[in-house]
All heavy atoms as atom14 arrays in JSON, in Angstrom:
{
  "sequence": "RLGPGVPSLQWETIQRLKPTAIVAVPSFLLKLIQYAHDHHIDLNQSSV",
  "atom14_mask": [
    [1, 1, 1, 1, 1, 1, 1, 1, 1, 1, 1, 0, 0, 0],
    [1, 1, 1, 1, 1, 1, 1, 1, 0, 0, 0, 0, 0, 0],
    [1, 1, 1, 1, 0, 0, 0, 0, 0, 0, 0, 0, 0, 0],
    [1, 1, 1, 1, 1, 1, 1, 0, 0, 0, 0, 0, 0, 0],
    [1, 1, 1, 1, 0, 0, 0, 0, 0, 0, 0, 0, 0, 0],
    [1, 1, 1, 1, 1, 1, 1, 0, 0, 0, 0, 0, 0, 0],
    [1, 1, 1, 1, 1, 1, 1, 0, 0, 0, 0, 0, 0, 0],
    [1, 1, 1, 1, 1, 1, 0, 0, 0, 0, 0, 0, 0, 0],
    [1, 1, 1, 1, 1, 1, 1, 1, 0, 0, 0, 0, 0, 0],
    [1, 1, 1, 1, 1, 1, 1, 1, 1, 0, 0, 0, 0, 0],
    [1, 1, 1, 1, 1, 1, 1, 1, 1, 1, 1, 1, 1, 1],
    [1, 1, 1, 1, 1, 1, 1, 1, 1, 0, 0, 0, 0, 0],
    [1, 1, 1, 1, 1, 1, 1, 0, 0, 0, 0, 0, 0, 0],
    [1, 1, 1, 1, 1, 1, 1, 1, 0, 0, 0, 0, 0, 0],
    [1, 1, 1, 1, 1, 1, 1, 1, 1, 0, 0, 0, 0, 0],
    [1, 1, 1, 1, 1, 1, 1, 1, 1, 1, 1, 0, 0, 0],
    [1, 1, 1, 1, 1, 1, 1, 1, 0, 0, 0, 0, 0, 0],
    [1, 1, 1, 1, 1, 1, 1, 1, 1, 0, 0, 0, 0, 0],
    [1, 1, 1, 1, 1, 1, 1, 0, 0, 0, 0, 0, 0, 0],
    [1, 1, 1, 1, 1, 1, 1, 0, 0, 0, 0, 0, 0, 0],
    [1, 1, 1, 1, 1, 0, 0, 0, 0, 0, 0, 0, 0, 0],
    [1, 1, 1, 1, 1, 1, 1, 1, 0, 0, 0, 0, 0, 0],
    [1, 1, 1, 1, 1, 1, 1, 0, 0, 0, 0, 0, 0, 0],
    [1, 1, 1, 1, 1, 0, 0, 0, 0, 0, 0, 0, 0, 0],
    [1, 1, 1, 1, 1, 1, 1, 0, 0, 0, 0, 0, 0, 0],
    [1, 1, 1, 1, 1, 1, 1, 0, 0, 0, 0, 0, 0, 0],
    [1, 1, 1, 1, 1, 1, 0, 0, 0, 0, 0, 0, 0, 0],
    [1, 1, 1, 1, 1, 1, 1, 1, 1, 1, 1, 0, 0, 0],
    [1, 1, 1, 1, 1, 1, 1, 1, 0, 0, 0, 0, 0, 0],
    [1, 1, 1, 1, 1, 1, 1, 1, 0, 0, 0, 0, 0, 0],
    [1, 1, 1, 1, 1, 1, 1, 1, 1, 0, 0, 0, 0, 0],
    [1, 1, 1, 1, 1, 1, 1, 1, 0, 0, 0, 0, 0, 0],
    [1, 1, 1, 1, 1, 1, 1, 1, 0, 0, 0, 0, 0, 0],
    [1, 1, 1, 1, 1, 1, 1, 1, 1, 0, 0, 0, 0, 0],
    [1, 1, 1, 1, 1, 1, 1, 1, 1, 1, 1, 1, 0, 0],
    [1, 1, 1, 1, 1, 0, 0, 0, 0, 0, 0, 0, 0, 0],
    [1, 1, 1, 1, 1, 1, 1, 1, 1, 1, 0, 0, 0, 0],
    [1, 1, 1, 1, 1, 1, 1, 1, 0, 0, 0, 0, 0, 0],
    [1, 1, 1, 1, 1, 1, 1, 1, 1, 1, 0, 0, 0, 0],
    [1, 1, 1, 1, 1, 1, 1, 1, 1, 1, 0, 0, 0, 0],
    [1, 1, 1, 1, 1, 1, 1, 1, 0, 0, 0, 0, 0, 0],
    [1, 1, 1, 1, 1, 1, 1, 1, 0, 0, 0, 0, 0, 0],
    [1, 1, 1, 1, 1, 1, 1, 1, 0, 0, 0, 0, 0, 0],
    [1, 1, 1, 1, 1, 1, 1, 1, 0, 0, 0, 0, 0, 0],
    [1, 1, 1, 1, 1, 1, 1, 1, 1, 0, 0, 0, 0, 0],
    [1, 1, 1, 1, 1, 1, 0, 0, 0, 0, 0, 0, 0, 0],
    [1, 1, 1, 1, 1, 1, 0, 0, 0, 0, 0, 0, 0, 0],
    [1, 1, 1, 1, 1, 1, 1, 0, 0, 0, 0, 0, 0, 0]
  ],
  "atom14_positions": [
    [[0.82, -1.19, -0.01], [-0.02, 0.02, -0.02], [0.87, 1.28, 0.0], [1.12, 1.86, 1.04], [-0.9, -0.01, 1.22], [-1.98, -1.14, 1.26], [-2.89, -1.03, 2.46], [-2.18, -1.25, 3.69], [-1.92, -0.27, 4.53], [-2.3, 0.97, 4.34], [-1.27, -0.61, 5.69], [0.0, 0.0, 0.0], [0.0, 0.0, 0.0], [0.0, 0.0, 0.0]],
    [[1.33, 1.64, -1.2], [2.27, 2.75, -1.25], [1.62, 4.09, -1.47], [2.08, 5.16, -1.11], [3.33, 2.51, -2.3], [4.61, 3.26, -2.08], [5.3, 2.95, -0.72], [5.59, 2.99, -3.24], [0.0, 0.0, 0.0], [0.0, 0.0, 0.0], [0.0, 0.0, 0.0], [0.0, 0.0, 0.0], [0.0, 0.0, 0.0], [0.0, 0.0, 0.0]],
    [[0.45, 4.11, -2.12], [-0.26, 5.33, -2.41], [0.25, 5.92, -3.72], [1.2, 5.45, -4.36], [0.0, 0.0, 0.0], [0.0, 0.0, 0.0], [0.0, 0.0, 0.0], [0.0, 0.0, 0.0], [0.0, 0.0, 0.0], [0.0, 0.0, 0.0], [0.0, 0.0, 0.0], [0.0, 0.0, 0.0], [0.0, 0.0, 0.0], [0.0, 0.0, 0.0]],
    [[-0.31, 7.08, -4.16], [-0.03, 7.71, -5.45], [1.28, 8.55, -5.44], [1.75, 8.98, -4.4], [-1.25, 8.58, -5.7], [-1.65, 9.02, -4.32], [-1.36, 7.86, -3.39], [0.0, 0.0, 0.0], [0.0, 0.0, 0.0], [0.0, 0.0, 0.0], [0.0, 0.0, 0.0], [0.0, 0.0, 0.0], [0.0, 0.0, 0.0], [0.0, 0.0, 0.0]],
    [[1.78, 8.79, -6.63], [2.85, 9.75, -6.82], [4.21, 9.29, -6.41], [4.41, 8.11, -6.1], [0.0, 0.0, 0.0], [0.0, 0.0, 0.0], [0.0, 0.0, 0.0], [0.0, 0.0, 0.0], [0.0, 0.0, 0.0], [0.0, 0.0, 0.0], [0.0, 0.0, 0.0], [0.0, 0.0, 0.0], [0.0, 0.0, 0.0], [0.0, 0.0, 0.0]],
    [[5.16, 10.18, -6.4], [6.56, 10.04, -5.96], [7.29, 8.85, -6.69], [7.52, 7.77, -6.14], [6.68, 9.78, -4.43], [8.11, 10.03, -3.98], [5.68, 10.66, -3.65], [0.0, 0.0, 0.0], [0.0, 0.0, 0.0], [0.0, 0.0, 0.0], [0.0, 0.0, 0.0], [0.0, 0.0, 0.0], [0.0, 0.0, 0.0], [0.0, 0.0, 0.0]],
    [[7.64, 9.07, -7.95], [8.28, 8.0, -8.72], [9.52, 7.38, -8.08], [9.7, 6.18, -8.14], [8.6, 8.67, -10.06], [7.6, 9.78, -10.15], [7.35, 10.25, -8.79], [0.0, 0.0, 0.0], [0.0, 0.0, 0.0], [0.0, 0.0, 0.0], [0.0, 0.0, 0.0], [0.0, 0.0, 0.0], [0.0, 0.0, 0.0], [0.0, 0.0, 0.0]],
    [[10.27, 8.21, -7.36], [11.51, 7.71, -6.74], [11.15, 6.69, -5.69], [11.83, 5.64, -5.61], [12.27, 8.88, -6.07], [11.53, 9.57, -5.16], [0.0, 0.0, 0.0], [0.0, 0.0, 0.0], [0.0, 0.0, 0.0], [0.0, 0.0, 0.0], [0.0, 0.0, 0.0], [0.0, 0.0, 0.0], [0.0, 0.0, 0.0], [0.0, 0.0, 0.0]],
    [[10.12, 6.93, -4.85], [9.75, 6.01, -3.79], [9.15, 4.72, -4.48], [9.35, 3.61, -3.96], [8.74, 6.64, -2.88], [8.23, 5.78, -1.75], [9.35, 5.23, -0.88], [7.27, 6.61, -0.87], [0.0, 0.0, 0.0], [0.0, 0.0, 0.0], [0.0, 0.0, 0.0], [0.0, 0.0, 0.0], [0.0, 0.0, 0.0], [0.0, 0.0, 0.0]],
    [[8.39, 4.96, -5.49], [7.78, 3.74, -6.21], [8.85, 2.78, -6.69], [8.78, 1.63, -6.48], [6.87, 4.22, -7.35], [5.72, 5.14, -7.03], [4.6, 4.49, -6.28], [4.57, 3.27, -6.02], [3.62, 5.28, -5.82], [0.0, 0.0, 0.0], [0.0, 0.0, 0.0], [0.0, 0.0, 0.0], [0.0, 0.0, 0.0], [0.0, 0.0, 0.0]],
    [[9.89, 3.36, -7.36], [10.96, 2.53, -7.89], [11.81, 1.92, -6.79], [12.2, 0.75, -6.89], [11.79, 3.32, -8.89], [11.26, 3.32, -10.24], [10.75, 4.3, -10.98], [11.14, 2.12, -11.08], [10.3, 3.87, -12.22], [10.55, 2.54, -12.28], [11.45, 0.81, -10.91], [10.29, 1.64, -13.29], [11.21, -0.1, -11.93], [10.63, 0.33, -13.11]],
    [[12.07, 2.71, -5.74], [12.79, 2.12, -4.64], [12.06, 0.9, -4.0], [12.73, -0.13, -3.7], [13.02, 3.19, -3.52], [13.91, 2.7, -2.35], [13.17, 1.98, -1.24], [11.97, 2.29, -1.05], [13.75, 1.05, -0.64], [0.0, 0.0, 0.0], [0.0, 0.0, 0.0], [0.0, 0.0, 0.0], [0.0, 0.0, 0.0], [0.0, 0.0, 0.0]],
    [[10.75, 1.0, -3.95], [9.9, -0.04, -3.39], [9.88, -1.24, -4.35], [9.95, -2.43, -3.94], [8.55, 0.46, -3.07], [8.65, 1.54, -2.22], [7.73, -0.69, -2.36], [0.0, 0.0, 0.0], [0.0, 0.0, 0.0], [0.0, 0.0, 0.0], [0.0, 0.0, 0.0], [0.0, 0.0, 0.0], [0.0, 0.0, 0.0], [0.0, 0.0, 0.0]],
    [[9.75, -0.95, -5.62], [9.77, -2.01, -6.64], [11.07, -2.83, -6.54], [11.07, -4.1, -6.58], [9.58, -1.49, -8.03], [8.13, -0.96, -8.21], [9.88, -2.54, -9.12], [7.92, -0.19, -9.52], [0.0, 0.0, 0.0], [0.0, 0.0, 0.0], [0.0, 0.0, 0.0], [0.0, 0.0, 0.0], [0.0, 0.0, 0.0], [0.0, 0.0, 0.0]],
    [[12.16, -2.14, -6.49], [13.45, -2.79, -6.44], [13.68, -3.57, -5.16], [14.36, -4.61, -5.13], [14.61, -1.78, -6.7], [14.54, -1.19, -8.05], [15.5, 0.0, -8.27], [15.63, 0.83, -7.39], [16.16, 0.04, -9.43], [0.0, 0.0, 0.0], [0.0, 0.0, 0.0], [0.0, 0.0, 0.0], [0.0, 0.0, 0.0], [0.0, 0.0, 0.0]],
    [[13.08, -3.06, -4.07], [13.3, -3.76, -2.77], [12.32, -4.88, -2.55], [12.71, -5.95, -2.06], [13.08, -2.65, -1.66], [13.3, -3.2, -0.21], [13.48, -2.04, 0.74], [12.43, -1.05, 0.61], [11.27, -1.07, 1.18], [10.93, -2.06, 2.01], [10.39, -0.09, 1.03], [0.0, 0.0, 0.0], [0.0, 0.0, 0.0], [0.0, 0.0, 0.0]],
    [[11.0, -4.68, -2.83], [9.99, -5.75, -2.58], [9.56, -6.53, -3.75], [8.91, -7.57, -3.56], [8.78, -5.02, -1.86], [9.02, -4.31, -0.57], [7.74, -3.69, -0.06], [9.64, -5.27, 0.46], [0.0, 0.0, 0.0], [0.0, 0.0, 0.0], [0.0, 0.0, 0.0], [0.0, 0.0, 0.0], [0.0, 0.0, 0.0], [0.0, 0.0, 0.0]],
    [[9.95, -6.16, -4.92], [9.76, -6.91, -6.18], [8.3, -7.36, -6.44], [7.98, -8.58, -6.53], [10.68, -8.14, -6.14], [12.16, -7.75, -6.19], [13.04, -8.97, -6.26], [14.5, -8.53, -6.5], [14.96, -7.34, -5.77], [0.0, 0.0, 0.0], [0.0, 0.0, 0.0], [0.0, 0.0, 0.0], [0.0, 0.0, 0.0], [0.0, 0.0, 0.0]],
    [[7.41, -6.33, -6.49], [6.01, -6.68, -6.86], [5.98, -7.19, -8.33], [6.8, -6.83, -9.14], [5.31, -5.31, -6.77], [6.38, -4.3, -6.97], [7.6, -4.92, -6.39], [0.0, 0.0, 0.0], [0.0, 0.0, 0.0], [0.0, 0.0, 0.0], [0.0, 0.0, 0.0], [0.0, 0.0, 0.0], [0.0, 0.0, 0.0], [0.0, 0.0, 0.0]],
    [[5.0, -8.03, -8.55], [4.75, -8.58, -9.98], [3.82, -7.7, -10.72], [3.7, -7.83, -11.98], [4.29, -10.0, -9.91], [3.08, -10.09, -9.16], [5.33, -10.89, -9.28], [0.0, 0.0, 0.0], [0.0, 0.0, 0.0], [0.0, 0.0, 0.0], [0.0, 0.0, 0.0], [0.0, 0.0, 0.0], [0.0, 0.0, 0.0], [0.0, 0.0, 0.0]],
    [[2.99, -6.92, -10.04], [1.94, -6.15, -10.69], [1.77, -4.83, -9.97], [2.12, -4.65, -8.77], [0.6, -6.94, -10.67], [0.0, 0.0, 0.0], [0.0, 0.0, 0.0], [0.0, 0.0, 0.0], [0.0, 0.0, 0.0], [0.0, 0.0, 0.0], [0.0, 0.0, 0.0], [0.0, 0.0, 0.0], [0.0, 0.0, 0.0], [0.0, 0.0, 0.0]],
    [[1.24, -3.86, -10.65], [0.92, -2.52, -10.09], [-0.55, -2.17, -10.49], [-1.07, -2.59, -11.48], [1.88, -1.48, -10.54], [1.98, -1.36, -12.05], [3.31, -1.71, -9.96], [2.97, -0.34, -12.53], [0.0, 0.0, 0.0], [0.0, 0.0, 0.0], [0.0, 0.0, 0.0], [0.0, 0.0, 0.0], [0.0, 0.0, 0.0], [0.0, 0.0, 0.0]],
    [[-1.08, -1.33, -9.61], [-2.42, -0.77, -9.89], [-2.24, 0.74, -9.87], [-1.79, 1.31, -8.86], [-3.44, -1.16, -8.84], [-4.81, -0.55, -9.15], [-3.58, -2.68, -8.71], [0.0, 0.0, 0.0], [0.0, 0.0, 0.0], [0.0, 0.0, 0.0], [0.0, 0.0, 0.0], [0.0, 0.0, 0.0], [0.0, 0.0, 0.0], [0.0, 0.0, 0.0]],
    [[-2.49, 1.42, -11.02], [-2.15, 2.83, -11.13], [-2.94, 3.5, -12.24], [-3.46, 2.87, -13.14], [-0.64, 2.98, -11.41], [0.0, 0.0, 0.0], [0.0, 0.0, 0.0], [0.0, 0.0, 0.0], [0.0, 0.0, 0.0], [0.0, 0.0, 0.0], [0.0, 0.0, 0.0], [0.0, 0.0, 0.0], [0.0, 0.0, 0.0], [0.0, 0.0, 0.0]],
    [[-3.0, 4.8, -12.23], [-3.49, 5.62, -13.27], [-2.43, 5.5, -14.4], [-1.24, 5.74, -14.18], [-3.62, 7.12, -12.87], [-4.05, 7.97, -14.05], [-4.69, 7.19, -11.69], [0.0, 0.0, 0.0], [0.0, 0.0, 0.0], [0.0, 0.0, 0.0], [0.0, 0.0, 0.0], [0.0, 0.0, 0.0], [0.0, 0.0, 0.0], [0.0, 0.0, 0.0]],
    [[-2.82, 5.19, -15.62], [-1.84, 4.93, -16.68], [-0.93, 6.1, -17.02], [0.25, 5.85, -17.33], [-2.69, 4.55, -17.91], [-4.1, 4.83, -17.55], [-4.19, 4.83, -16.08], [0.0, 0.0, 0.0], [0.0, 0.0, 0.0], [0.0, 0.0, 0.0], [0.0, 0.0, 0.0], [0.0, 0.0, 0.0], [0.0, 0.0, 0.0], [0.0, 0.0, 0.0]],
    [[-1.4, 7.3, -16.94], [-0.49, 8.48, -17.19], [0.64, 8.53, -16.17], [1.73, 9.04, -16.47], [-1.28, 9.8, -17.16], [-1.9, 10.0, -15.93], [0.0, 0.0, 0.0], [0.0, 0.0, 0.0], [0.0, 0.0, 0.0], [0.0, 0.0, 0.0], [0.0, 0.0, 0.0], [0.0, 0.0, 0.0], [0.0, 0.0, 0.0], [0.0, 0.0, 0.0]],
    [[0.4, 8.0, -15.0], [1.5, 7.91, -13.98], [2.59, 6.88, -14.43], [3.73, 7.08, -14.05], [0.96, 7.59, -12.57], [2.05, 7.6, -11.53], [2.7, 8.74, -11.18], [2.44, 6.4, -10.89], [3.69, 8.8, -10.2], [3.42, 6.43, -9.94], [4.08, 7.59, -9.6], [0.0, 0.0, 0.0], [0.0, 0.0, 0.0], [0.0, 0.0, 0.0]],
    [[2.17, 5.91, -15.16], [3.14, 4.96, -15.66], [4.21, 5.62, -16.57], [5.38, 5.19, -16.57], [2.45, 3.76, -16.4], [1.51, 2.93, -15.59], [0.97, 1.78, -16.47], [2.11, 2.44, -14.35], [0.0, 0.0, 0.0], [0.0, 0.0, 0.0], [0.0, 0.0, 0.0], [0.0, 0.0, 0.0], [0.0, 0.0, 0.0], [0.0, 0.0, 0.0]],
    [[3.75, 6.64, -17.26], [4.63, 7.37, -18.1], [5.74, 8.09, -17.23], [6.9, 8.2, -17.63], [3.93, 8.4, -18.96], [3.08, 7.81, -20.11], [2.4, 9.01, -20.86], [3.85, 6.94, -21.04], [0.0, 0.0, 0.0], [0.0, 0.0, 0.0], [0.0, 0.0, 0.0], [0.0, 0.0, 0.0], [0.0, 0.0, 0.0], [0.0, 0.0, 0.0]],
    [[5.32, 8.57, -16.1], [6.24, 9.22, -15.18], [7.23, 8.19, -14.56], [8.38, 8.51, -14.36], [5.5, 9.98, -14.08], [4.64, 11.09, -14.63], [3.93, 11.9, -13.56], [3.14, 13.04, -14.15], [2.41, 13.82, -13.2], [0.0, 0.0, 0.0], [0.0, 0.0, 0.0], [0.0, 0.0, 0.0], [0.0, 0.0, 0.0], [0.0, 0.0, 0.0]],
    [[6.76, 6.99, -14.31], [7.61, 5.9, -13.85], [8.65, 5.54, -14.96], [9.84, 5.34, -14.64], [6.77, 4.68, -13.48], [5.95, 4.66, -12.25], [5.27, 3.32, -12.07], [6.78, 5.0, -11.0], [0.0, 0.0, 0.0], [0.0, 0.0, 0.0], [0.0, 0.0, 0.0], [0.0, 0.0, 0.0], [0.0, 0.0, 0.0], [0.0, 0.0, 0.0]],
    [[8.19, 5.51, -16.16], [9.06, 5.2, -17.31], [10.14, 6.32, -17.41], [11.36, 6.01, -17.61], [8.28, 5.08, -18.61], [7.38, 3.77, -18.53], [9.18, 5.03, -19.84], [6.36, 3.68, -19.62], [0.0, 0.0, 0.0], [0.0, 0.0, 0.0], [0.0, 0.0, 0.0], [0.0, 0.0, 0.0], [0.0, 0.0, 0.0], [0.0, 0.0, 0.0]],
    [[9.74, 7.55, -17.34], [10.67, 8.67, -17.5], [11.68, 8.66, -16.39], [12.88, 8.89, -16.63], [9.92, 10.0, -17.5], [10.81, 11.22, -17.79], [11.45, 11.12, -19.16], [10.8, 10.94, -20.16], [12.79, 11.24, -19.2], [0.0, 0.0, 0.0], [0.0, 0.0, 0.0], [0.0, 0.0, 0.0], [0.0, 0.0, 0.0], [0.0, 0.0, 0.0]],
    [[11.23, 8.39, -15.14], [12.17, 8.32, -14.03], [13.18, 7.17, -14.24], [14.35, 7.35, -13.95], [11.37, 8.12, -12.73], [12.29, 8.14, -11.48], [12.57, 9.28, -10.8], [12.89, 6.95, -11.03], [13.39, 9.31, -9.69], [13.72, 6.94, -9.92], [13.94, 8.13, -9.26], [14.8, 8.11, -8.18], [0.0, 0.0, 0.0], [0.0, 0.0, 0.0]],
    [[12.65, 6.05, -14.71], [13.58, 4.94, -14.95], [14.62, 5.26, -15.98], [15.81, 4.94, -15.8], [12.8, 3.69, -15.38], [0.0, 0.0, 0.0], [0.0, 0.0, 0.0], [0.0, 0.0, 0.0], [0.0, 0.0, 0.0], [0.0, 0.0, 0.0], [0.0, 0.0, 0.0], [0.0, 0.0, 0.0], [0.0, 0.0, 0.0], [0.0, 0.0, 0.0]],
    [[14.21, 5.98, -17.08], [15.17, 6.32, -18.1], [16.19, 7.33, -17.53], [17.4, 7.2, -17.84], [14.46, 6.94, -19.27], [13.67, 5.99, -20.11], [12.73, 6.33, -21.05], [13.76, 4.6, -20.11], [12.26, 5.2, -21.57], [12.86, 4.14, -21.05], [0.0, 0.0, 0.0], [0.0, 0.0, 0.0], [0.0, 0.0, 0.0], [0.0, 0.0, 0.0]],
    [[15.75, 8.25, -16.75], [16.63, 9.3, -16.21], [17.62, 8.7, -15.17], [18.67, 9.38, -14.97], [15.83, 10.43, -15.56], [14.96, 11.24, -16.53], [15.25, 11.14, -17.73], [14.08, 11.97, -16.1], [0.0, 0.0, 0.0], [0.0, 0.0, 0.0], [0.0, 0.0, 0.0], [0.0, 0.0, 0.0], [0.0, 0.0, 0.0], [0.0, 0.0, 0.0]],
    [[17.25, 7.57, -14.55], [18.09, 7.07, -13.5], [18.66, 5.69, -13.87], [19.05, 4.87, -12.99], [17.33, 7.0, -12.15], [17.0, 8.34, -11.61], [15.92, 9.06, -12.1], [17.55, 9.07, -10.67], [15.83, 10.25, -11.46], [16.83, 10.24, -10.57], [0.0, 0.0, 0.0], [0.0, 0.0, 0.0], [0.0, 0.0, 0.0], [0.0, 0.0, 0.0]],
    [[18.64, 5.36, -15.13], [19.28, 4.21, -15.76], [18.78, 2.94, -15.07], [19.51, 1.99, -14.74], [20.85, 4.32, -15.51], [21.36, 5.57, -15.98], [21.45, 5.98, -17.31], [21.96, 6.66, -15.3], [21.94, 7.16, -17.43], [22.28, 7.64, -16.22], [0.0, 0.0, 0.0], [0.0, 0.0, 0.0], [0.0, 0.0, 0.0], [0.0, 0.0, 0.0]],
    [[17.46, 2.87, -14.89], [16.79, 1.66, -14.43], [16.3, 0.9, -15.63], [15.56, 1.46, -16.48], [15.6, 2.03, -13.51], [16.09, 2.69, -12.21], [14.83, 0.76, -13.1], [15.0, 3.26, -11.36], [0.0, 0.0, 0.0], [0.0, 0.0, 0.0], [0.0, 0.0, 0.0], [0.0, 0.0, 0.0], [0.0, 0.0, 0.0], [0.0, 0.0, 0.0]],
    [[16.63, -0.32, -15.79], [16.2, -1.16, -16.85], [14.75, -1.68, -16.58], [14.56, -2.57, -15.73], [17.14, -2.39, -17.01], [16.76, -3.21, -18.29], [15.66, -3.11, -18.84], [17.7, -3.91, -18.77], [0.0, 0.0, 0.0], [0.0, 0.0, 0.0], [0.0, 0.0, 0.0], [0.0, 0.0, 0.0], [0.0, 0.0, 0.0], [0.0, 0.0, 0.0]],
    [[13.81, -1.07, -17.27], [12.4, -1.39, -17.02], [12.12, -2.87, -17.15], [11.4, -3.46, -16.34], [11.51, -0.63, -18.03], [11.42, 0.89, -17.82], [10.98, 1.57, -19.11], [10.5, 1.22, -16.71], [0.0, 0.0, 0.0], [0.0, 0.0, 0.0], [0.0, 0.0, 0.0], [0.0, 0.0, 0.0], [0.0, 0.0, 0.0], [0.0, 0.0, 0.0]],
    [[12.64, -3.44, -18.22], [12.27, -4.85, -18.54], [13.06, -5.84, -17.69], [12.76, -7.11, -17.83], [12.51, -5.12, -20.01], [11.53, -4.27, -20.85], [10.36, -4.06, -20.48], [12.03, -3.74, -21.96], [0.0, 0.0, 0.0], [0.0, 0.0, 0.0], [0.0, 0.0, 0.0], [0.0, 0.0, 0.0], [0.0, 0.0, 0.0], [0.0, 0.0, 0.0]],
    [[13.93, -5.39, -16.85], [14.57, -6.28, -15.86], [13.93, -6.14, -14.49], [14.3, -6.84, -13.54], [16.06, -5.92, -15.72], [16.93, -6.31, -16.98], [16.84, -7.79, -17.29], [16.97, -8.64, -16.45], [16.5, -8.11, -18.57], [0.0, 0.0, 0.0], [0.0, 0.0, 0.0], [0.0, 0.0, 0.0], [0.0, 0.0, 0.0], [0.0, 0.0, 0.0]],
    [[12.92, -5.33, -14.41], [12.19, -5.18, -13.14], [11.26, -6.4, -12.91], [10.94, -7.17, -13.78], [11.38, -3.9, -13.06], [10.17, -4.06, -13.79], [0.0, 0.0, 0.0], [0.0, 0.0, 0.0], [0.0, 0.0, 0.0], [0.0, 0.0, 0.0], [0.0, 0.0, 0.0], [0.0, 0.0, 0.0], [0.0, 0.0, 0.0], [0.0, 0.0, 0.0]],
    [[10.78, -6.54, -11.7], [9.84, -7.67, -11.31], [8.47, -7.44, -11.89], [7.68, -8.37, -11.96], [9.83, -7.75, -9.76], [9.35, -6.53, -9.22], [0.0, 0.0, 0.0], [0.0, 0.0, 0.0], [0.0, 0.0, 0.0], [0.0, 0.0, 0.0], [0.0, 0.0, 0.0], [0.0, 0.0, 0.0], [0.0, 0.0, 0.0], [0.0, 0.0, 0.0]],
    [[8.11, -6.24, -12.26], [6.77, -5.87, -12.65], [6.45, -6.36, -14.06], [7.14, -5.98, -15.05], [6.5, -4.35, -12.57], [5.1, -4.0, -13.03], [6.71, -3.84, -11.19], [0.0, 0.0, 0.0], [0.0, 0.0, 0.0], [0.0, 0.0, 0.0], [0.0, 0.0, 0.0], [0.0, 0.0, 0.0], [0.0, 0.0, 0.0], [0.0, 0.0, 0.0]]
  ]
}
């Protein structure tokens, strides 16, 4: 139960707890993608 917003916290949690799925507003997924690109996170190597 992480709540909305804060891409940095979302990615830190994904990398730490390794969820397989997310529930989100799709436009926020674009912000997650942008954050991943800006911080050299390989999207397709994530657990999601």
